């Protein structure tokens, strides 16, 4: 398994897309941190809400994480490298498991890098006005942990989707359409049917609830986490079956 994980990490690191992920992540999180600090007064910057809002910016890496999760699987099918991969490791479940472990490590890296960028940008700006950050506060640390887990879950959701839909274009476009359009339309339909509560169990609404930030029309953290894990397990099981049956010749 260790060799599989190292192999998957090498595949990601040696692609140009890897550097694009890092550049986009640093840029978006840096801009978000600057905007958050700039929109707050000096007094507001000493409050817990401000500290939590900064930590929530780590969630920006979630979208990149799900895209990475999808491409870890689908890139191999797109370029035909899945054939030598599966021939070298006949146990297809082991290949998917290796991709999952590698993906989790990369998701953690994304979250940690995002956090470091936030600290770098916010601490400098806040210190100019004589203030200081308090990101080791218990509540802030708890939110940071939940946000990090949320990024990992987005990665695993992407990997599960990619293992079911082997076409990279279909998986990426379909996921983005579902995320930004289909679930919104379903929420409107459920509202018309007086069944708004069903929308809380949709996959990406559950993911939103599992990042610890909370919000309207979202499940509480515990139930959201359970539903999210359920969706990942369901799609992952379907992906294992699909990959087992896939003809790679």
Protein backbone atom coordinates (compact mmCIF):
# COMPACT_ATOMS: atom_id res chain seq x y z
CA UNK A 1 0.00 0.00 0.00
CA UNK A 2 2.85 2.38 0.80
CA UNK A 3 4.26 1.93 -2.69
CA UNK A 4 0.83 2.59 -4.19
CA UNK A 5 0.44 5.81 -2.23
CA UNK A 6 3.92 7.01 -3.21
CA UNK A 7 3.12 6.22 -6.82
CA UNK A 8 -0.12 8.20 -6.71
CA UNK A 9 1.59 11.18 -5.08
CA UNK A 10 4.29 11.08 -7.76
CA UNK A 11 1.66 11.06 -10.51
CA UNK A 12 0.05 14.18 -9.07
CA UNK A 13 3.30 16.05 -8.42
CA UNK A 14 4.65 15.50 -11.91
CA UNK A 15 1.70 17.07 -13.72
CA UNK A 16 1.37 20.74 -14.62
CA UNK A 17 -2.08 20.81 -13.07
CA UNK A 18 -0.52 20.31 -9.63
CA UNK A 19 1.17 23.71 -9.79
CA UNK A 20 -2.04 25.27 -11.06
CA UNK A 21 -3.85 23.95 -7.98
CA UNK A 22 -1.27 25.51 -5.67
CA UNK A 23 -1.19 28.87 -7.47
CA UNK A 24 -4.99 29.15 -7.56
CA UNK A 25 -5.25 28.11 -3.91
CA UNK A 26 -2.70 30.65 -2.69
CA UNK A 27 -4.22 33.40 -4.84
CA UNK A 28 -7.86 32.84 -3.87
CA UNK A 29 -7.16 32.35 -0.16
CA UNK A 30 -4.83 35.34 -0.07
CA UNK A 31 -7.42 37.57 -1.72
CA UNK A 32 -10.13 36.23 0.59
CA UNK A 33 -8.04 36.90 3.69
CA UNK A 34 -7.19 40.42 2.54
CA UNK A 35 -10.85 41.12 1.80
CA UNK A 36 -11.94 39.78 5.19
CA UNK A 37 -9.43 41.91 7.09
CA UNK A 38 -10.10 44.98 4.99
CA UNK A 39 -13.86 44.77 5.54
CA UNK A 40 -13.56 44.75 9.35
CA UNK A 41 -12.94 47.63 11.73
CA UNK A 42 -10.02 47.53 14.15
CA UNK A 43 -12.38 46.64 17.01
CA UNK A 44 -14.06 43.86 15.03
CA UNK A 45 -10.71 42.24 14.30
CA UNK A 46 -10.29 41.37 17.97
CA UNK A 47 -13.59 39.47 18.10
CA UNK A 48 -14.23 35.73 17.83
CA UNK A 49 -16.44 36.16 14.75
CA UNK A 50 -13.50 37.61 12.82
CA UNK A 51 -11.17 34.78 13.84
CA UNK A 52 -13.76 32.17 12.82
CA UNK A 53 -14.39 33.94 9.51
CA UNK A 54 -10.68 33.74 8.72
CA UNK A 55 -10.59 30.01 9.49
CA UNK A 56 -13.66 29.45 7.30
CA UNK A 57 -11.64 30.75 4.34
CA UNK A 58 -9.76 27.45 4.42
CA UNK A 59 -12.96 26.05 2.92
CA UNK A 60 -12.01 27.73 -0.37
CA UNK A 61 -9.72 24.77 -0.92
CA UNK A 62 -12.73 22.42 -0.88
CA UNK A 63 -13.63 23.09 -4.51
CA UNK A 64 -10.05 22.44 -5.59
CA UNK A 65 -10.04 19.31 -3.45
CA UNK A 66 -13.11 17.80 -5.14
CA UNK A 67 -11.69 18.58 -8.58
CA UNK A 68 -8.41 16.94 -7.59
CA UNK A 69 -10.31 13.94 -6.23
CA UNK A 70 -12.10 13.50 -9.55
CA UNK A 71 -8.98 13.91 -11.66
CA UNK A 72 -6.88 11.50 -9.57
CA UNK A 73 -9.08 8.75 -10.95
CA UNK A 74 -10.30 10.02 -14.30
CA UNK A 75 -6.96 11.26 -15.65
CA UNK A 76 -5.75 7.66 -15.78
CA UNK A 77 -8.76 6.62 -17.87
CA UNK A 78 -8.44 9.70 -20.07
CA UNK A 79 -4.79 9.05 -20.94
CA UNK A 80 -4.93 5.25 -20.86
CA UNK A 81 -2.45 4.89 -18.00
CA UNK A 82 -5.04 2.95 -16.04
CA UNK A 83 -4.10 -0.20 -17.98
CA UNK A 84 -0.49 -0.46 -16.75
CA UNK A 85 -1.61 0.73 -13.29
CA UNK A 86 -4.13 -2.09 -12.91
CA UNK A 87 -1.81 -4.65 -14.48
CA UNK A 88 0.92 -3.73 -11.99
CA UNK A 89 -1.59 -3.95 -9.13
CA UNK A 90 -4.32 -6.45 -10.09
CA UNK A 91 -6.41 -5.73 -6.99
CA UNK A 92 -8.47 -2.83 -8.27
CA UNK A 93 -9.83 -2.06 -4.80
CA UNK A 94 -6.22 -1.58 -3.64
CA UNK A 95 -5.59 0.90 -6.45
CA UNK A 96 -8.63 2.95 -5.44
CA UNK A 97 -7.62 2.72 -1.78
CA UNK A 98 -4.13 3.97 -2.65
CA UNK A 99 -5.63 6.89 -4.54
CA UNK A 100 -7.88 7.67 -1.56
CA UNK A 101 -4.98 7.73 0.91
CA UNK A 102 -2.88 9.89 -1.40
CA UNK A 103 -5.86 12.18 -1.94
CA UNK A 104 -6.42 12.60 1.79
CA UNK A 105 -2.77 13.58 2.26
CA UNK A 106 -3.08 16.16 -0.52
CA UNK A 107 -6.33 17.52 0.91
CA UNK A 108 -4.65 18.00 4.28
CA UNK A 109 -1.79 19.78 2.50
CA UNK A 110 -4.27 22.06 0.74
CA UNK A 111 -5.98 22.94 4.03
CA UNK A 112 -2.71 23.55 5.89
CA UNK A 113 -1.34 25.68 3.05
CA UNK A 114 -4.55 27.71 2.99
CA UNK A 115 -4.29 28.25 6.74
CA UNK A 116 -0.67 29.40 6.46
CA UNK A 117 -1.58 31.87 3.71
CA UNK A 118 -4.40 33.24 5.86
CA UNK A 119 -2.08 33.67 8.85
CA UNK A 120 0.59 35.32 6.70
CA UNK A 121 -1.79 37.83 5.11
CA UNK A 122 -4.00 38.57 8.10
CA UNK A 123 -1.27 38.77 10.75
CA UNK A 124 0.71 41.35 8.79
CA UNK A 125 -2.33 43.50 8.06
CA UNK A 126 -3.74 43.28 11.58
CA UNK A 127 -0.36 44.06 13.18
CA UNK A 128 -0.10 47.28 11.17
CA UNK A 129 -3.06 48.60 13.19
CA UNK A 130 -1.57 47.35 16.45
CA UNK A 131 -3.77 44.26 16.74
CA UNK A 132 -2.96 40.54 16.81
CA UNK A 133 -4.56 37.28 15.73
CA UNK A 134 -5.71 34.67 18.21
CA UNK A 135 -6.07 31.58 16.07
CA UNK A 136 -5.14 29.18 18.88
CA UNK A 137 -8.35 29.94 20.76
CA UNK A 138 -10.26 26.75 21.63
CA UNK A 139 -13.32 27.64 19.54
CA UNK A 140 -11.13 28.66 16.62
CA UNK A 141 -9.06 25.48 16.85
CA UNK A 142 -12.24 23.38 16.88
CA UNK A 143 -13.56 25.17 13.78
CA UNK A 144 -10.18 24.70 12.08
CA UNK A 145 -10.32 20.96 12.76
CA UNK A 146 -13.84 20.67 11.36
CA UNK A 147 -12.89 22.73 8.32
CA UNK A 148 -9.86 20.55 7.64
CA UNK A 149 -12.02 17.43 7.87
CA UNK A 150 -14.49 19.10 5.53
CA UNK A 151 -11.78 19.60 2.89
CA UNK A 152 -10.87 15.90 3.20
CA UNK A 153 -14.51 14.93 2.73
CA UNK A 154 -14.79 17.04 -0.42
CA UNK A 155 -11.71 15.26 -1.78
CA UNK A 156 -13.17 11.85 -1.00
CA UNK A 157 -16.48 12.82 -2.58
CA UNK A 158 -14.63 13.78 -5.75
CA UNK A 159 -12.69 10.54 -5.76
CA UNK A 160 -15.89 8.54 -5.29
CA UNK A 161 -17.52 10.41 -8.19
CA UNK A 162 -14.48 9.82 -10.39
CA UNK A 163 -14.52 6.10 -9.63
CA UNK A 164 -18.14 5.93 -10.83
CA UNK A 165 -17.89 8.28 -13.83
CA UNK A 166 -14.61 7.43 -15.55
CA UNK A 167 -14.98 10.12 -18.21
CA UNK A 168 -13.11 13.15 -16.92
CA UNK A 169 -15.18 15.74 -18.77
CA UNK A 170 -18.47 14.12 -17.77
CA UNK A 171 -17.38 13.80 -14.12
CA UNK A 172 -16.14 17.39 -13.82
CA UNK A 173 -18.96 19.06 -15.74
CA UNK A 174 -21.62 16.86 -14.16
CA UNK A 175 -20.34 17.55 -10.65
CA UNK A 176 -20.16 21.31 -11.16
CA UNK A 177 -23.62 21.38 -12.73
CA UNK A 178 -25.04 19.36 -9.85
CA UNK A 179 -23.28 21.56 -7.29
CA UNK A 180 -24.26 24.95 -8.69
CA UNK A 181 -27.50 24.23 -10.56
CA UNK A 182 -29.23 20.93 -9.93
CA UNK A 183 -29.27 21.06 -6.14
CA UNK A 184 -30.59 24.63 -6.30
CA UNK A 185 -33.40 23.54 -8.60
CA UNK A 186 -34.18 20.58 -6.36
CA UNK A 187 -34.37 22.87 -3.34
CA UNK A 188 -36.89 25.03 -5.20
CA UNK A 189 -38.91 21.95 -6.12
CA UNK A 190 -38.89 20.66 -2.54
CA UNK A 191 -40.02 24.08 -1.35
CA UNK A 192 -42.99 23.98 -3.72
CA UNK A 193 -43.86 20.54 -2.37
CA UNK A 194 -43.51 21.72 1.25
CA UNK A 195 -40.67 19.26 1.72
CA UNK A 196 -37.77 21.63 2.36
CA UNK A 197 -36.21 19.25 4.88
CA UNK A 198 -35.30 16.77 2.16
CA UNK A 199 -32.89 19.27 0.66
CA UNK A 200 -30.68 19.09 3.75
CA UNK A 201 -29.81 15.51 2.81
CA UNK A 202 -28.61 16.29 -0.71
CA UNK A 203 -24.89 15.43 -1.05
CA UNK A 204 -23.42 18.90 -1.34
CA UNK A 205 -25.76 20.43 1.20
CA UNK A 206 -24.64 17.71 3.59
CA UNK A 207 -21.02 18.56 2.74
CA UNK A 208 -21.70 22.22 3.49
CA UNK A 209 -23.08 21.26 6.88
CA UNK A 210 -20.06 19.05 7.60
CA UNK A 211 -17.55 21.91 7.46
CA UNK A 212 -18.59 23.15 10.91
CA UNK A 213 -19.59 26.66 9.82
CA UNK A 214 -23.34 25.97 9.89
CA UNK A 215 -25.95 27.96 8.00
CA UNK A 216 -29.58 28.12 6.97
CA UNK A 217 -31.21 24.99 5.53
CA UNK A 218 -28.30 22.82 6.66
CA UNK A 219 -28.17 19.87 9.02
CA UNK A 220 -26.40 20.21 12.35
CA UNK A 221 -22.76 19.19 12.28
CA UNK A 222 -23.15 15.62 13.55
CA UNK A 223 -26.02 14.58 11.24
CA UNK A 224 -24.39 16.41 8.30
CA UNK A 225 -21.16 14.51 8.88
CA UNK A 226 -23.03 11.19 9.03
CA UNK A 227 -25.00 11.90 5.84
CA UNK A 228 -21.85 13.00 4.02
CA UNK A 229 -19.98 9.84 5.00
CA UNK A 230 -23.02 7.86 3.85
CA UNK A 231 -22.99 9.52 0.41
CA UNK A 232 -19.24 8.94 0.05
CA UNK A 233 -19.59 5.30 1.09
CA UNK A 234 -22.50 4.75 -1.33
CA UNK A 235 -20.74 6.36 -4.29
CA UNK A 236 -17.45 4.71 -3.33
CA UNK A 237 -19.06 1.26 -3.28
CA UNK A 238 -20.63 1.93 -6.67
CA UNK A 239 -17.22 3.10 -7.90
CA UNK A 240 -15.55 -0.11 -6.75
CA UNK A 241 -18.15 -2.20 -8.61
CA UNK A 242 -17.83 -0.01 -11.70
CA UNK A 243 -14.02 -0.20 -11.69
CA UNK A 244 -14.07 -3.98 -11.15
CA UNK A 245 -16.23 -4.42 -14.24
CA UNK A 246 -14.34 -1.93 -16.40
CA UNK A 247 -12.63 -3.49 -19.41
CA UNK A 248 -9.13 -1.98 -19.59
CA UNK A 249 -7.88 -3.87 -22.65
